[in-house]
Amino acid sequence: MVNYGDALGRAWKYSLDGKRLGAGFVIFLVAAVIAISPILFIYKTVSLSALNILTMIQFFAWMFVGIAVAGLLMLYAILMFTHNYANQKSLRKSAGFAVSNYPRFLAVTIVTVLISAIVSMVPFIGIILSIITGLMFFFTIQEVAAGSRFSNSIRNSYDMFMKKKLDTFITFILTGVISGVIILVFAIPLFAVGMSVVFSALSGGALTQALAANMAGIVISCLILLAGFTFATLFTNSVRTDVYAQLKKKRK
């Protein structure tokens, strides 16, 4: 059996490290800024009453590019921290590893996402098949971080799931619940500010005016939520990597 208590303890200690948490926060902050920059563009356009078909096309184009770039940056961070947790070396060495192995990791991610998307289209049972596929590829990140090749990363993750179905499922549920709870807690300030904006708008003020009046609170609460997201990502990914290491030792 996997020792989840030890895995949670080690992952908690790792994720509370100031340098790792700070590095993750900076990377995710840059990704967030890139992702939301098109929204700031359309907000300015609406406030100037300059919205038209051309600006809408530009908005959706930039939004697609921004989300794609932000996603790529976040994938890089996840690979870096996965390798760092597994090896407990400096972040600089893990960052170098992530750079050199990123193309392979991206290829594995694209293939697994495409497979999950395809099986999800199956009528009636698509969602179930998609979840099962996600479990089959649950440890592909850890395989890449361990140095496995493209085909081996997918095959080894599949083999581990087939031999350790219950452990994989428990880890999937555990990390999902923990991540959700952490993010919900850190989202409370943003929810409170959002409700203030809604009430202000409903009481007679314009939505843009309500947003402007609460902009400082929105920015601060978004940063708090981002800090929670960073910690949740580090913590749950570390738990997954710890469980992977335990299962790998048992297989040997």
C-alpha atoms as a PDB file:
ATOM      1  CA  MET A   1       0.000   0.000   0.000  1.00  0.00           C
ATOM      2  CA  VAL A   2       1.063   3.552  -0.668  1.00  0.00           C
ATOM      3  CA  ASN A   3       1.902   5.577   2.434  1.00  0.00           C
ATOM      4  CA  TYR A   4      -0.230   8.641   1.730  1.00  0.00           C
ATOM      5  CA  GLY A   5       0.546  10.211   5.091  1.00  0.00           C
ATOM      6  CA  ASP A   6       4.263  10.380   4.315  1.00  0.00           C
ATOM      7  CA  ALA A   7       3.542  11.530   0.762  1.00  0.00           C
ATOM      8  CA  LEU A   8       1.358  14.390   2.009  1.00  0.00           C
ATOM      9  CA  GLY A   9       3.936  15.370   4.636  1.00  0.00           C
ATOM     10  CA  ARG A  10       6.850  15.458   2.219  1.00  0.00           C
ATOM     11  CA  ALA A  11       4.814  17.290  -0.418  1.00  0.00           C
ATOM     12  CA  TRP A  12       3.608  19.852   2.147  1.00  0.00           C
ATOM     13  CA  LYS A  13       7.149  20.597   3.292  1.00  0.00           C
ATOM     14  CA  TYR A  14       8.401  20.879  -0.282  1.00  0.00           C
ATOM     15  CA  SER A  15       5.586  23.185  -1.395  1.00  0.00           C
ATOM     16  CA  LEU A  16       6.032  25.603   1.515  1.00  0.00           C
ATOM     17  CA  ASP A  17       9.649  26.309   0.564  1.00  0.00           C
ATOM     18  CA  GLY A  18       9.904  30.031  -0.141  1.00  0.00           C
ATOM     19  CA  LYS A  19      12.104  29.802  -3.233  1.00  0.00           C
ATOM     20  CA  ARG A  20       9.976  27.145  -4.907  1.00  0.00           C
ATOM     21  CA  LEU A  21       6.707  28.830  -4.019  1.00  0.00           C
ATOM     22  CA  GLY A  22       8.064  32.197  -5.141  1.00  0.00           C
ATOM     23  CA  ALA A  23       9.351  30.831  -8.443  1.00  0.00           C
ATOM     24  CA  GLY A  24       6.045  29.129  -9.129  1.00  0.00           C
ATOM     25  CA  PHE A  25       4.102  32.286  -8.273  1.00  0.00           C
ATOM     26  CA  VAL A  26       6.192  34.407 -10.652  1.00  0.00           C
ATOM     27  CA  ILE A  27       5.796  31.928 -13.514  1.00  0.00           C
ATOM     28  CA  PHE A  28       2.049  31.589 -12.991  1.00  0.00           C
ATOM     29  CA  LEU A  29       1.717  35.375 -12.629  1.00  0.00           C
ATOM     30  CA  VAL A  30       3.406  35.919 -15.994  1.00  0.00           C
ATOM     31  CA  ALA A  31       1.156  33.238 -17.508  1.00  0.00           C
ATOM     32  CA  ALA A  32      -1.932  34.888 -16.004  1.00  0.00           C
ATOM     33  CA  VAL A  33      -0.973  38.334 -17.290  1.00  0.00           C
ATOM     34  CA  ILE A  34      -0.454  36.922 -20.783  1.00  0.00           C
ATOM     35  CA  ALA A  35      -3.794  35.097 -20.641  1.00  0.00           C
ATOM     36  CA  ILE A  36      -5.883  38.054 -19.412  1.00  0.00           C
ATOM     37  CA  SER A  37      -4.220  40.793 -21.475  1.00  0.00           C
ATOM     38  CA  PRO A  38      -6.835  40.420 -24.268  1.00  0.00           C
ATOM     39  CA  ILE A  39      -9.586  40.974 -21.683  1.00  0.00           C
ATOM     40  CA  LEU A  40      -7.947  44.249 -20.641  1.00  0.00           C
ATOM     41  CA  PHE A  41      -7.855  45.224 -24.322  1.00  0.00           C
ATOM     42  CA  ILE A  42     -11.564  44.589 -24.848  1.00  0.00           C
ATOM     43  CA  TYR A  43     -12.396  46.362 -21.560  1.00  0.00           C
ATOM     44  CA  LYS A  44     -10.590  49.471 -22.755  1.00  0.00           C
ATOM     45  CA  THR A  45     -12.302  49.226 -26.138  1.00  0.00           C
ATOM     46  CA  VAL A  46     -15.751  48.981 -24.548  1.00  0.00           C
ATOM     47  CA  SER A  47     -15.043  51.900 -22.219  1.00  0.00           C
ATOM     48  CA  LEU A  48     -14.099  54.023 -25.252  1.00  0.00           C
ATOM     49  CA  SER A  49     -17.207  52.847 -27.159  1.00  0.00           C
ATOM     50  CA  ALA A  50     -14.974  51.638 -30.006  1.00  0.00           C
ATOM     51  CA  LEU A  51     -16.252  48.070 -30.191  1.00  0.00           C
ATOM     52  CA  ASN A  52     -16.754  46.694 -33.717  1.00  0.00           C
ATOM     53  CA  ILE A  53     -16.342  43.481 -35.706  1.00  0.00           C
ATOM     54  CA  LEU A  54     -12.640  44.090 -36.350  1.00  0.00           C
ATOM     55  CA  THR A  55     -11.839  44.630 -32.668  1.00  0.00           C
ATOM     56  CA  MET A  56     -13.831  41.510 -31.754  1.00  0.00           C
ATOM     57  CA  ILE A  57     -11.811  39.434 -34.237  1.00  0.00           C
ATOM     58  CA  GLN A  58      -8.602  40.870 -32.816  1.00  0.00           C
ATOM     59  CA  PHE A  59      -9.820  40.118 -29.309  1.00  0.00           C
ATOM     60  CA  PHE A  60     -10.555  36.441 -29.982  1.00  0.00           C
ATOM     61  CA  ALA A  61      -7.302  36.024 -31.917  1.00  0.00           C
ATOM     62  CA  TRP A  62      -5.235  37.512 -29.111  1.00  0.00           C
ATOM     63  CA  MET A  63      -7.184  35.533 -26.527  1.00  0.00           C
ATOM     64  CA  PHE A  64      -6.385  32.268 -28.329  1.00  0.00           C
ATOM     65  CA  VAL A  65      -2.696  33.180 -28.559  1.00  0.00           C
ATOM     66  CA  GLY A  66      -2.575  34.388 -24.959  1.00  0.00           C
ATOM     67  CA  ILE A  67      -4.183  31.253 -23.535  1.00  0.00           C
ATOM     68  CA  ALA A  68      -1.923  29.036 -25.654  1.00  0.00           C
ATOM     69  CA  VAL A  69       1.266  30.813 -24.527  1.00  0.00           C
ATOM     70  CA  ALA A  70       0.119  30.818 -20.896  1.00  0.00           C
ATOM     71  CA  GLY A  71      -0.651  27.099 -21.103  1.00  0.00           C
ATOM     72  CA  LEU A  72       2.785  26.339 -22.551  1.00  0.00           C
ATOM     73  CA  LEU A  73       4.446  28.332 -19.777  1.00  0.00           C
ATOM     74  CA  MET A  74       2.474  26.516 -17.086  1.00  0.00           C
ATOM     75  CA  LEU A  75       3.346  23.124 -18.577  1.00  0.00           C
ATOM     76  CA  TYR A  76       7.009  24.083 -18.423  1.00  0.00           C
ATOM     77  CA  ALA A  77       6.663  25.001 -14.741  1.00  0.00           C
ATOM     78  CA  ILE A  78       4.940  21.716 -13.922  1.00  0.00           C
ATOM     79  CA  LEU A  79       7.696  19.703 -15.620  1.00  0.00           C
ATOM     80  CA  MET A  80      10.353  21.708 -13.807  1.00  0.00           C
ATOM     81  CA  PHE A  81       8.791  21.212 -10.363  1.00  0.00           C
ATOM     82  CA  THR A  82       8.077  17.532 -11.017  1.00  0.00           C
ATOM     83  CA  HIS A  83      11.742  16.943 -11.808  1.00  0.00           C
ATOM     84  CA  ASN A  84      12.795  19.100  -8.866  1.00  0.00           C
ATOM     85  CA  TYR A  85      10.659  17.177  -6.382  1.00  0.00           C
ATOM     86  CA  ALA A  86      11.850  13.827  -7.679  1.00  0.00           C
ATOM     87  CA  ASN A  87      15.531  14.798  -7.523  1.00  0.00           C
ATOM     88  CA  GLN A  88      15.525  17.465  -4.783  1.00  0.00           C
ATOM     89  CA  LYS A  89      18.230  19.395  -6.645  1.00  0.00           C
ATOM     90  CA  SER A  90      18.446  23.117  -7.306  1.00  0.00           C
ATOM     91  CA  LEU A  91      15.680  24.767  -9.289  1.00  0.00           C
ATOM     92  CA  ARG A  92      18.280  25.920 -11.803  1.00  0.00           C
ATOM     93  CA  LYS A  93      19.187  22.331 -12.690  1.00  0.00           C
ATOM     94  CA  SER A  94      15.521  21.366 -12.902  1.00  0.00           C
ATOM     95  CA  ALA A  95      14.846  24.418 -15.080  1.00  0.00           C
ATOM     96  CA  GLY A  96      17.596  23.288 -17.446  1.00  0.00           C
ATOM     97  CA  PHE A  97      16.171  19.771 -17.505  1.00  0.00           C
ATOM     98  CA  ALA A  98      12.718  21.151 -18.298  1.00  0.00           C
ATOM     99  CA  VAL A  99      14.096  23.196 -21.203  1.00  0.00           C
ATOM    100  CA  SER A 100      15.920  20.254 -22.789  1.00  0.00           C
ATOM    101  CA  ASN A 101      13.021  17.825 -22.295  1.00  0.00           C
ATOM    102  CA  TYR A 102      10.147  20.213 -22.982  1.00  0.00           C
ATOM    103  CA  PRO A 103       9.589  19.185 -26.633  1.00  0.00           C
ATOM    104  CA  ARG A 104       9.145  15.560 -25.582  1.00  0.00           C
ATOM    105  CA  PHE A 105       6.884  16.530 -22.711  1.00  0.00           C
ATOM    106  CA  LEU A 106       4.786  18.729 -25.008  1.00  0.00           C
ATOM    107  CA  ALA A 107       4.464  15.903 -27.545  1.00  0.00           C
ATOM    108  CA  VAL A 108       3.336  13.479 -24.827  1.00  0.00           C
ATOM    109  CA  THR A 109       0.837  16.026 -23.522  1.00  0.00           C
ATOM    110  CA  ILE A 110      -0.623  16.705 -26.965  1.00  0.00           C
ATOM    111  CA  VAL A 111      -1.015  12.999 -27.736  1.00  0.00           C
ATOM    112  CA  THR A 112      -2.665  12.170 -24.415  1.00  0.00           C
ATOM    113  CA  VAL A 113      -5.001  15.183 -24.617  1.00  0.00           C
ATOM    114  CA  LEU A 114      -6.008  14.260 -28.164  1.00  0.00           C
ATOM    115  CA  ILE A 115      -6.734  10.673 -27.156  1.00  0.00           C
ATOM    116  CA  SER A 116      -8.820  11.855 -24.200  1.00  0.00           C
ATOM    117  CA  ALA A 117     -10.709  14.290 -26.446  1.00  0.00           C
ATOM    118  CA  ILE A 118     -11.431  11.610 -29.033  1.00  0.00           C
ATOM    119  CA  VAL A 119     -12.756   9.039 -26.565  1.00  0.00           C
ATOM    120  CA  SER A 120     -14.876  11.723 -24.877  1.00  0.00           C
ATOM    121  CA  MET A 121     -16.872  12.001 -28.106  1.00  0.00           C
ATOM    122  CA  VAL A 122     -18.217   8.476 -27.765  1.00  0.00           C
ATOM    123  CA  PRO A 123     -21.982   8.745 -27.175  1.00  0.00           C
ATOM    124  CA  PHE A 124     -23.337   8.147 -23.650  1.00  0.00           C
ATOM    125  CA  ILE A 125     -20.073   6.845 -22.121  1.00  0.00           C
ATOM    126  CA  GLY A 126     -17.646   9.453 -23.459  1.00  0.00           C
ATOM    127  CA  ILE A 127     -17.101  11.124 -20.080  1.00  0.00           C
ATOM    128  CA  ILE A 128     -16.389   7.799 -18.371  1.00  0.00           C
ATOM    129  CA  LEU A 129     -13.942   6.785 -21.097  1.00  0.00           C
ATOM    130  CA  SER A 130     -12.242  10.170 -20.843  1.00  0.00           C
ATOM    131  CA  ILE A 131     -11.760   9.736 -17.087  1.00  0.00           C
ATOM    132  CA  ILE A 132     -10.349   6.232 -17.572  1.00  0.00           C
ATOM    133  CA  THR A 133      -7.993   7.545 -20.243  1.00  0.00           C
ATOM    134  CA  GLY A 134      -6.867  10.304 -17.873  1.00  0.00           C
ATOM    135  CA  LEU A 135      -6.083   7.667 -15.249  1.00  0.00           C
ATOM    136  CA  MET A 136      -4.098   5.659 -17.788  1.00  0.00           C
ATOM    137  CA  PHE A 137      -1.946   8.710 -18.524  1.00  0.00           C
ATOM    138  CA  PHE A 138      -1.937   9.972 -14.937  1.00  0.00           C
ATOM    139  CA  PHE A 139       1.818   9.496 -14.443  1.00  0.00           C
ATOM    140  CA  THR A 140       3.112  10.578 -17.854  1.00  0.00           C
ATOM    141  CA  ILE A 141       4.542  13.804 -16.410  1.00  0.00           C
ATOM    142  CA  GLN A 142       6.490  11.833 -13.834  1.00  0.00           C
ATOM    143  CA  GLU A 143       7.733   9.458 -16.521  1.00  0.00           C
ATOM    144  CA  VAL A 144       9.061  12.335 -18.610  1.00  0.00           C
ATOM    145  CA  ALA A 145      10.661  13.873 -15.511  1.00  0.00           C
ATOM    146  CA  ALA A 146      12.322  10.504 -14.866  1.00  0.00           C
ATOM    147  CA  GLY A 147      13.903  10.622 -18.323  1.00  0.00           C
ATOM    148  CA  SER A 148      11.663   8.143 -20.149  1.00  0.00           C
ATOM    149  CA  ARG A 149      11.349   8.449 -23.904  1.00  0.00           C
ATOM    150  CA  PHE A 150       8.142   9.475 -25.674  1.00  0.00           C
ATOM    151  CA  SER A 151       6.671   5.997 -26.189  1.00  0.00           C
ATOM    152  CA  ASN A 152       7.956   4.715 -22.846  1.00  0.00           C
ATOM    153  CA  SER A 153       6.352   7.616 -20.977  1.00  0.00           C
ATOM    154  CA  ILE A 154       2.926   6.664 -22.270  1.00  0.00           C
ATOM    155  CA  ARG A 155       3.406   2.921 -22.026  1.00  0.00           C
ATOM    156  CA  ASN A 156       4.894   2.989 -18.512  1.00  0.00           C
ATOM    157  CA  SER A 157       2.071   5.187 -17.221  1.00  0.00           C
ATOM    158  CA  TYR A 158      -0.446   2.802 -18.771  1.00  0.00           C
ATOM    159  CA  ASP A 159       1.307  -0.225 -17.239  1.00  0.00           C
ATOM    160  CA  MET A 160       1.370   1.385 -13.810  1.00  0.00           C
ATOM    161  CA  PHE A 161      -2.345   2.103 -13.997  1.00  0.00           C
ATOM    162  CA  MET A 162      -3.143  -1.459 -15.065  1.00  0.00           C
ATOM    163  CA  LYS A 163      -1.136  -2.897 -12.160  1.00  0.00           C
ATOM    164  CA  LYS A 164      -2.049  -0.256  -9.562  1.00  0.00           C
ATOM    165  CA  LYS A 165      -5.583   0.811 -10.483  1.00  0.00           C
ATOM    166  CA  LEU A 166      -6.755   1.489  -6.935  1.00  0.00           C
ATOM    167  CA  ASP A 167      -3.671   3.497  -5.942  1.00  0.00           C
ATOM    168  CA  THR A 168      -3.908   5.552  -9.129  1.00  0.00           C
ATOM    169  CA  PHE A 169      -7.612   6.230  -8.592  1.00  0.00           C
ATOM    170  CA  ILE A 170      -7.121   7.189  -4.929  1.00  0.00           C
ATOM    171  CA  THR A 171      -4.298   9.560  -5.859  1.00  0.00           C
ATOM    172  CA  PHE A 172      -6.432  11.079  -8.610  1.00  0.00           C
ATOM    173  CA  ILE A 173      -9.345  11.731  -6.232  1.00  0.00           C
ATOM    174  CA  LEU A 174      -7.133  12.854  -3.339  1.00  0.00           C
ATOM    175  CA  THR A 175      -5.157  15.406  -5.341  1.00  0.00           C
ATOM    176  CA  GLY A 176      -8.302  16.659  -7.077  1.00  0.00           C
ATOM    177  CA  VAL A 177     -10.158  17.220  -3.801  1.00  0.00           C
ATOM    178  CA  ILE A 178      -7.173  18.866  -2.090  1.00  0.00           C
ATOM    179  CA  SER A 179      -6.587  21.169  -5.045  1.00  0.00           C
ATOM    180  CA  GLY A 180     -10.250  22.141  -5.180  1.00  0.00           C
ATOM    181  CA  VAL A 181     -10.445  22.910  -1.459  1.00  0.00           C
ATOM    182  CA  ILE A 182      -7.276  25.038  -1.461  1.00  0.00           C
ATOM    183  CA  ILE A 183      -8.377  27.045  -4.483  1.00  0.00           C
ATOM    184  CA  LEU A 184     -11.872  27.566  -3.070  1.00  0.00           C
ATOM    185  CA  VAL A 185     -10.444  28.912   0.197  1.00  0.00           C
ATOM    186  CA  PHE A 186      -8.133  31.345  -1.601  1.00  0.00           C
ATOM    187  CA  ALA A 187     -10.985  32.375  -3.904  1.00  0.00           C
ATOM    188  CA  ILE A 188     -13.108  33.717  -1.022  1.00  0.00           C
ATOM    189  CA  PRO A 189     -11.669  37.290  -1.206  1.00  0.00           C
ATOM    190  CA  LEU A 190     -12.285  37.453  -4.964  1.00  0.00           C
ATOM    191  CA  PHE A 191     -15.830  36.172  -4.485  1.00  0.00           C
ATOM    192  CA  ALA A 192     -16.467  38.856  -1.862  1.00  0.00           C
ATOM    193  CA  VAL A 193     -15.134  41.622  -4.118  1.00  0.00           C
ATOM    194  CA  GLY A 194     -17.130  40.239  -7.038  1.00  0.00           C
ATOM    195  CA  MET A 195     -20.333  40.366  -5.020  1.00  0.00           C
ATOM    196  CA  SER A 196     -19.529  43.977  -4.075  1.00  0.00           C
ATOM    197  CA  VAL A 197     -19.147  44.854  -7.761  1.00  0.00           C
ATOM    198  CA  VAL A 198     -22.449  43.163  -8.634  1.00  0.00           C
ATOM    199  CA  PHE A 199     -24.349  44.924  -5.850  1.00  0.00           C
ATOM    200  CA  SER A 200     -22.846  48.269  -6.865  1.00  0.00           C
ATOM    201  CA  ALA A 201     -23.882  47.742 -10.473  1.00  0.00           C
ATOM    202  CA  LEU A 202     -27.412  46.644  -9.494  1.00  0.00           C
ATOM    203  CA  SER A 203     -27.883  49.623  -7.203  1.00  0.00           C
ATOM    204  CA  GLY A 204     -27.760  51.997 -10.141  1.00  0.00           C
ATOM    205  CA  GLY A 205     -24.123  52.366 -11.067  1.00  0.00           C
ATOM    206  CA  ALA A 206     -22.636  51.255 -14.377  1.00  0.00           C
ATOM    207  CA  LEU A 207     -20.681  48.000 -14.422  1.00  0.00           C
ATOM    208  CA  THR A 208     -17.531  49.686 -15.710  1.00  0.00           C
ATOM    209  CA  GLN A 209     -17.739  52.261 -12.920  1.00  0.00           C
ATOM    210  CA  ALA A 210     -18.229  49.534 -10.307  1.00  0.00           C
ATOM    211  CA  LEU A 211     -15.211  47.649 -11.647  1.00  0.00           C
ATOM    212  CA  ALA A 212     -13.087  50.794 -11.603  1.00  0.00           C
ATOM    213  CA  ALA A 213     -14.110  51.613  -8.041  1.00  0.00           C
ATOM    214  CA  ASN A 214     -13.159  48.131  -6.838  1.00  0.00           C
ATOM    215  CA  MET A 215     -10.079  47.640  -9.041  1.00  0.00           C
ATOM    216  CA  ALA A 216      -7.614  47.624  -6.135  1.00  0.00           C
ATOM    217  CA  GLY A 217      -9.612  44.956  -4.334  1.00  0.00           C
ATOM    218  CA  ILE A 218      -9.948  42.918  -7.530  1.00  0.00           C
ATOM    219  CA  VAL A 219      -6.202  42.983  -8.162  1.00  0.00           C
ATOM    220  CA  ILE A 220      -5.319  42.046  -4.574  1.00  0.00           C
ATOM    221  CA  SER A 221      -7.896  39.236  -4.405  1.00  0.00           C
ATOM    222  CA  CYS A 222      -6.706  37.899  -7.780  1.00  0.00           C
ATOM    223  CA  LEU A 223      -3.132  37.798  -6.477  1.00  0.00           C
ATOM    224  CA  ILE A 224      -4.349  35.934  -3.385  1.00  0.00           C
ATOM    225  CA  LEU A 225      -6.161  33.429  -5.602  1.00  0.00           C
ATOM    226  CA  LEU A 226      -3.047  33.040  -7.752  1.00  0.00           C
ATOM    227  CA  ALA A 227      -0.971  32.339  -4.646  1.00  0.00           C
ATOM    228  CA  GLY A 228      -3.461  29.637  -3.663  1.00  0.00           C
ATOM    229  CA  PHE A 229      -3.424  28.175  -7.158  1.00  0.00           C
ATOM    230  CA  THR A 230       0.379  28.098  -7.104  1.00  0.00           C
ATOM    231  CA  PHE A 231       0.488  26.295  -3.775  1.00  0.00           C
ATOM    232  CA  ALA A 232      -2.280  23.874  -4.799  1.00  0.00           C
ATOM    233  CA  THR A 233      -0.434  23.023  -8.013  1.00  0.00           C
ATOM    234  CA  LEU A 234       2.904  22.517  -6.268  1.00  0.00           C
ATOM    235  CA  PHE A 235       1.394  20.492  -3.447  1.00  0.00           C
ATOM    236  CA  THR A 236      -0.837  18.153  -5.448  1.00  0.00           C
ATOM    237  CA  ASN A 237       1.773  17.600  -8.163  1.00  0.00           C
ATOM    238  CA  SER A 238       4.317  16.761  -5.458  1.00  0.00           C
ATOM    239  CA  VAL A 239       1.888  14.274  -3.899  1.00  0.00           C
ATOM    240  CA  ARG A 240       1.409  12.642  -7.289  1.00  0.00           C
ATOM    241  CA  THR A 241       5.174  12.475  -7.835  1.00  0.00           C
ATOM    242  CA  ASP A 242       5.724  11.005  -4.372  1.00  0.00           C
ATOM    243  CA  VAL A 243       3.098   8.309  -4.971  1.00  0.00           C
ATOM    244  CA  TYR A 244       4.657   7.582  -8.357  1.00  0.00           C
ATOM    245  CA  ALA A 245       8.061   7.098  -6.716  1.00  0.00           C
ATOM    246  CA  GLN A 246       6.588   4.728  -4.124  1.00  0.00           C
ATOM    247  CA  LEU A 247       4.793   2.677  -6.783  1.00  0.00           C
ATOM    248  CA  LYS A 248       7.936   2.602  -8.913  1.00  0.00           C
ATOM    249  CA  LYS A 249       9.970   1.179  -6.029  1.00  0.00           C
ATOM    250  CA  LYS A 250       7.360  -1.503  -5.383  1.00  0.00           C
ATOM    251  CA  ARG A 251       7.365  -2.498  -9.033  1.00  0.00           C
ATOM    252  CA  LYS A 252      11.143  -2.939  -8.936  1.00  0.00           C
END
